[in-house]
Structures are given as structure tokens and as C-alpha cells.
Amino acid sequence: MTPEGLPITEYLPEDHVGRETYGLVKDPTPDKGRPLRDKAEECERERRERGT
């Protein structure tokens, strides 16, 4: 979340519903690290395969 309360969407796939809803919201603290940042594409693919 950003200080304004928006979800960080920078690491989501472009066609992800969160990105479509909120647009591109940059990570205000990229040096802080996001544990799943590098797995966003893989997680989205798995979500789609599950059908949710």
C-alpha cells in the first residue's frame, strides 16, 4: 500500500484486474522489497488456471 492507501500495482501483470482498477501505481519504496514481486506473473498464471 502507498501512503495514500492505494495498492501497489507496479508488479502486477498489465491485464490484472487490480491494475485495470487502480492503474499503474508505482512502488514508493522499491528498496524495501516485496517478497512475491518476482513471482507475480507465475502467481497470476496459477490463478487463471484455477479459474478464480
PDB file of N, CA and C in Angstrom:
ATOM      1  N   MET A   1       0.838  -1.175   0.000  1.00  0.00           N
ATOM      2  CA  MET A   1       0.000   0.000   0.000  1.00  0.00           C
ATOM      3  C   MET A   1       0.886   1.241   0.000  1.00  0.00           C
ATOM      4  N   THR A   2       0.386   2.245  -0.686  1.00  0.00           N
ATOM      5  CA  THR A   2       1.085   3.519  -0.677  1.00  0.00           C
ATOM      6  C   THR A   2       0.633   4.318   0.535  1.00  0.00           C
ATOM      7  N   PRO A   3       1.311   5.394   0.860  1.00  0.00           N
ATOM      8  CA  PRO A   3       0.861   6.231   1.981  1.00  0.00           C
ATOM      9  C   PRO A   3      -0.562   6.769   1.779  1.00  0.00           C
ATOM     10  N   GLU A   4      -0.991   6.851   0.509  1.00  0.00           N
ATOM     11  CA  GLU A   4      -2.347   7.322   0.206  1.00  0.00           C
ATOM     12  C   GLU A   4      -3.386   6.211   0.314  1.00  0.00           C
ATOM     13  N   GLY A   5      -2.937   4.990   0.579  1.00  0.00           N
ATOM     14  CA  GLY A   5      -3.860   3.867   0.731  1.00  0.00           C
ATOM     15  C   GLY A   5      -4.132   3.100  -0.545  1.00  0.00           C
ATOM     16  N   LEU A   6      -3.393   3.390  -1.609  1.00  0.00           N
ATOM     17  CA  LEU A   6      -3.582   2.675  -2.871  1.00  0.00           C
ATOM     18  C   LEU A   6      -2.713   1.416  -2.898  1.00  0.00           C
ATOM     19  N   PRO A   7      -3.213   0.351  -3.517  1.00  0.00           N
ATOM     20  CA  PRO A   7      -2.392  -0.851  -3.637  1.00  0.00           C
ATOM     21  C   PRO A   7      -1.310  -0.639  -4.690  1.00  0.00           C
ATOM     22  N   ILE A   8      -0.143  -1.177  -4.462  1.00  0.00           N
ATOM     23  CA  ILE A   8       0.954  -1.088  -5.420  1.00  0.00           C
ATOM     24  C   ILE A   8       0.664  -2.075  -6.545  1.00  0.00           C
ATOM     25  N   THR A   9       0.538  -1.559  -7.755  1.00  0.00           N
ATOM     26  CA  THR A   9       0.202  -2.411  -8.889  1.00  0.00           C
ATOM     27  C   THR A   9       1.354  -2.554  -9.875  1.00  0.00           C
ATOM     28  N   GLU A  10       2.458  -1.932  -9.588  1.00  0.00           N
ATOM     29  CA  GLU A  10       3.612  -1.926 -10.493  1.00  0.00           C
ATOM     30  C   GLU A  10       4.061  -3.335 -10.875  1.00  0.00           C
ATOM     31  N   TYR A  11       3.965  -4.270  -9.967  1.00  0.00           N
ATOM     32  CA  TYR A  11       4.487  -5.617 -10.210  1.00  0.00           C
ATOM     33  C   TYR A  11       3.429  -6.586 -10.727  1.00  0.00           C
ATOM     34  N   LEU A  12       2.208  -6.123 -10.895  1.00  0.00           N
ATOM     35  CA  LEU A  12       1.143  -6.979 -11.413  1.00  0.00           C
ATOM     36  C   LEU A  12       1.200  -7.038 -12.939  1.00  0.00           C
ATOM     37  N   PRO A  13       0.703  -8.131 -13.540  1.00  0.00           N
ATOM     38  CA  PRO A  13       0.618  -8.189 -14.999  1.00  0.00           C
ATOM     39  C   PRO A  13      -0.293  -7.067 -15.510  1.00  0.00           C
ATOM     40  N   GLU A  14      -0.037  -6.600 -16.724  1.00  0.00           N
ATOM     41  CA  GLU A  14      -0.795  -5.473 -17.264  1.00  0.00           C
ATOM     42  C   GLU A  14      -2.293  -5.724 -17.323  1.00  0.00           C
ATOM     43  N   ASP A  15      -2.714  -6.967 -17.552  1.00  0.00           N
ATOM     44  CA  ASP A  15      -4.150  -7.247 -17.684  1.00  0.00           C
ATOM     45  C   ASP A  15      -4.780  -7.703 -16.366  1.00  0.00           C
ATOM     46  N   HIS A  16      -4.083  -7.553 -15.265  1.00  0.00           N
ATOM     47  CA  HIS A  16      -4.601  -7.934 -13.950  1.00  0.00           C
ATOM     48  C   HIS A  16      -5.728  -6.977 -13.548  1.00  0.00           C
ATOM     49  N   VAL A  17      -6.770  -7.492 -12.912  1.00  0.00           N
ATOM     50  CA  VAL A  17      -7.918  -6.671 -12.531  1.00  0.00           C
ATOM     51  C   VAL A  17      -7.512  -5.531 -11.599  1.00  0.00           C
ATOM     52  N   GLY A  18      -6.558  -5.755 -10.727  1.00  0.00           N
ATOM     53  CA  GLY A  18      -6.097  -4.689  -9.829  1.00  0.00           C
ATOM     54  C   GLY A  18      -5.459  -3.539 -10.586  1.00  0.00           C
ATOM     55  N   ARG A  19      -4.724  -3.882 -11.615  1.00  0.00           N
ATOM     56  CA  ARG A  19      -4.083  -2.848 -12.431  1.00  0.00           C
ATOM     57  C   ARG A  19      -5.110  -2.133 -13.291  1.00  0.00           C
ATOM     58  N   GLU A  20      -6.107  -2.869 -13.769  1.00  0.00           N
ATOM     59  CA  GLU A  20      -7.178  -2.247 -14.548  1.00  0.00           C
ATOM     60  C   GLU A  20      -7.992  -1.302 -13.671  1.00  0.00           C
ATOM     61  N   THR A  21      -8.174  -1.656 -12.413  1.00  0.00           N
ATOM     62  CA  THR A  21      -8.972  -0.852 -11.486  1.00  0.00           C
ATOM     63  C   THR A  21      -8.232   0.390 -11.017  1.00  0.00           C
ATOM     64  N   TYR A  22      -6.987   0.216 -10.593  1.00  0.00           N
ATOM     65  CA  TYR A  22      -6.230   1.316  -9.976  1.00  0.00           C
ATOM     66  C   TYR A  22      -5.221   1.968 -10.899  1.00  0.00           C
ATOM     67  N   GLY A  23      -4.987   1.366 -12.065  1.00  0.00           N
ATOM     68  CA  GLY A  23      -3.956   1.881 -12.955  1.00  0.00           C
ATOM     69  C   GLY A  23      -2.582   1.493 -12.444  1.00  0.00           C
ATOM     70  N   LEU A  24      -1.567   2.082 -13.031  1.00  0.00           N
ATOM     71  CA  LEU A  24      -0.206   1.793 -12.611  1.00  0.00           C
ATOM     72  C   LEU A  24       0.123   2.628 -11.384  1.00  0.00           C
ATOM     73  N   VAL A  25       0.303   1.957 -10.255  1.00  0.00           N
ATOM     74  CA  VAL A  25       0.691   2.621  -9.012  1.00  0.00           C
ATOM     75  C   VAL A  25       2.102   2.146  -8.690  1.00  0.00           C
ATOM     76  N   LYS A  26       3.054   3.078  -8.782  1.00  0.00           N
ATOM     77  CA  LYS A  26       4.461   2.752  -8.547  1.00  0.00           C
ATOM     78  C   LYS A  26       4.715   2.455  -7.076  1.00  0.00           C
ATOM     79  N   ASP A  27       5.715   1.648  -6.846  1.00  0.00           N
ATOM     80  CA  ASP A  27       6.152   1.294  -5.502  1.00  0.00           C
ATOM     81  C   ASP A  27       6.920   2.486  -4.917  1.00  0.00           C
ATOM     82  N   PRO A  28       6.408   3.115  -3.859  1.00  0.00           N
ATOM     83  CA  PRO A  28       7.100   4.275  -3.303  1.00  0.00           C
ATOM     84  C   PRO A  28       8.392   3.915  -2.568  1.00  0.00           C
ATOM     85  N   THR A  29       8.563   2.651  -2.233  1.00  0.00           N
ATOM     86  CA  THR A  29       9.775   2.212  -1.522  1.00  0.00           C
ATOM     87  C   THR A  29      10.306   0.924  -2.152  1.00  0.00           C
ATOM     88  N   PRO A  30      10.790   0.996  -3.387  1.00  0.00           N
ATOM     89  CA  PRO A  30      11.240  -0.237  -4.058  1.00  0.00           C
ATOM     90  C   PRO A  30      12.409  -0.918  -3.358  1.00  0.00           C
ATOM     91  N   ASP A  31      13.180  -0.170  -2.601  1.00  0.00           N
ATOM     92  CA  ASP A  31      14.302  -0.768  -1.893  1.00  0.00           C
ATOM     93  C   ASP A  31      13.866  -1.565  -0.664  1.00  0.00           C
ATOM     94  N   LYS A  32      12.605  -1.391  -0.262  1.00  0.00           N
ATOM     95  CA  LYS A  32      12.082  -2.121   0.892  1.00  0.00           C
ATOM     96  C   LYS A  32      11.922  -3.606   0.576  1.00  0.00           C
ATOM     97  N   GLY A  33      11.616  -3.891  -0.671  1.00  0.00           N
ATOM     98  CA  GLY A  33      11.472  -5.276  -1.095  1.00  0.00           C
ATOM     99  C   GLY A  33      10.042  -5.775  -0.982  1.00  0.00           C
ATOM    100  N   ARG A  34       9.671  -6.587  -1.894  1.00  0.00           N
ATOM    101  CA  ARG A  34       8.365  -7.232  -1.919  1.00  0.00           C
ATOM    102  C   ARG A  34       8.630  -8.708  -2.152  1.00  0.00           C
ATOM    103  N   PRO A  35       8.294  -9.561  -1.187  1.00  0.00           N
ATOM    104  CA  PRO A  35       8.680 -10.974  -1.289  1.00  0.00           C
ATOM    105  C   PRO A  35       8.144 -11.694  -2.523  1.00  0.00           C
ATOM    106  N   LEU A  36       6.993 -11.302  -3.033  1.00  0.00           N
ATOM    107  CA  LEU A  36       6.431 -12.006  -4.195  1.00  0.00           C
ATOM    108  C   LEU A  36       6.563 -11.215  -5.490  1.00  0.00           C
ATOM    109  N   ARG A  37       7.279 -10.107  -5.453  1.00  0.00           N
ATOM    110  CA  ARG A  37       7.407  -9.238  -6.627  1.00  0.00           C
ATOM    111  C   ARG A  37       7.850 -10.025  -7.850  1.00  0.00           C
ATOM    112  N   ASP A  38       8.839 -10.868  -7.715  1.00  0.00           N
ATOM    113  CA  ASP A  38       9.382 -11.603  -8.848  1.00  0.00           C
ATOM    114  C   ASP A  38       8.519 -12.788  -9.253  1.00  0.00           C
ATOM    115  N   LYS A  39       7.508 -13.090  -8.479  1.00  0.00           N
ATOM    116  CA  LYS A  39       6.639 -14.224  -8.785  1.00  0.00           C
ATOM    117  C   LYS A  39       5.248 -13.783  -9.255  1.00  0.00           C
ATOM    118  N   ALA A  40       5.061 -12.514  -9.522  1.00  0.00           N
ATOM    119  CA  ALA A  40       3.735 -12.002  -9.880  1.00  0.00           C
ATOM    120  C   ALA A  40       3.169 -12.698 -11.113  1.00  0.00           C
ATOM    121  N   GLU A  41       3.969 -12.841 -12.163  1.00  0.00           N
ATOM    122  CA  GLU A  41       3.490 -13.489 -13.388  1.00  0.00           C
ATOM    123  C   GLU A  41       3.103 -14.944 -13.122  1.00  0.00           C
ATOM    124  N   GLU A  42       3.932 -15.648 -12.381  1.00  0.00           N
ATOM    125  CA  GLU A  42       3.662 -17.052 -12.063  1.00  0.00           C
ATOM    126  C   GLU A  42       2.385 -17.190 -11.235  1.00  0.00           C
ATOM    127  N   CYS A  43       2.213 -16.326 -10.236  1.00  0.00           N
ATOM    128  CA  CYS A  43       1.011 -16.373  -9.394  1.00  0.00           C
ATOM    129  C   CYS A  43      -0.245 -16.083 -10.211  1.00  0.00           C
ATOM    130  N   GLU A  44      -0.154 -15.122 -11.116  1.00  0.00           N
ATOM    131  CA  GLU A  44      -1.306 -14.794 -11.956  1.00  0.00           C
ATOM    132  C   GLU A  44      -1.656 -15.958 -12.872  1.00  0.00           C
ATOM    133  N   ARG A  45      -0.654 -16.596 -13.439  1.00  0.00           N
ATOM    134  CA  ARG A  45      -0.897 -17.753 -14.315  1.00  0.00           C
ATOM    135  C   ARG A  45      -1.586 -18.872 -13.538  1.00  0.00           C
ATOM    136  N   GLU A  46      -1.121 -19.135 -12.317  1.00  0.00           N
ATOM    137  CA  GLU A  46      -1.746 -20.162 -11.485  1.00  0.00           C
ATOM    138  C   GLU A  46      -3.177 -19.795 -11.125  1.00  0.00           C
ATOM    139  N   ARG A  47      -3.423 -18.528 -10.843  1.00  0.00           N
ATOM    140  CA  ARG A  47      -4.773 -18.088 -10.516  1.00  0.00           C
ATOM    141  C   ARG A  47      -5.719 -18.318 -11.683  1.00  0.00           C
ATOM    142  N   ARG A  48      -5.264 -17.998 -12.876  1.00  0.00           N
ATOM    143  CA  ARG A  48      -6.098 -18.190 -14.067  1.00  0.00           C
ATOM    144  C   ARG A  48      -6.370 -19.660 -14.332  1.00  0.00           C
ATOM    145  N   GLU A  49      -5.374 -20.493 -14.102  1.00  0.00           N
ATOM    146  CA  GLU A  49      -5.547 -21.931 -14.310  1.00  0.00           C
ATOM    147  C   GLU A  49      -6.566 -22.516 -13.333  1.00  0.00           C
ATOM    148  N   ARG A  50      -6.626 -21.947 -12.122  1.00  0.00           N
ATOM    149  CA  ARG A  50      -7.613 -22.397 -11.136  1.00  0.00           C
ATOM    150  C   ARG A  50      -9.007 -21.917 -11.477  1.00  0.00           C
ATOM    151  N   GLY A  51      -9.076 -20.852 -12.285  1.00  0.00           N
ATOM    152  CA  GLY A  51     -10.375 -20.324 -12.674  1.00  0.00           C
ATOM    153  C   GLY A  51     -10.986 -19.381 -11.671  1.00  0.00           C
ATOM    154  N   THR A  52     -10.162 -18.735 -10.835  1.00  0.00           N
ATOM    155  CA  THR A  52     -10.697 -17.788  -9.855  1.00  0.00           C
ATOM    156  C   THR A  52     -10.346 -16.380 -10.220  1.00  0.00           C
TER     157      THR A  52
END
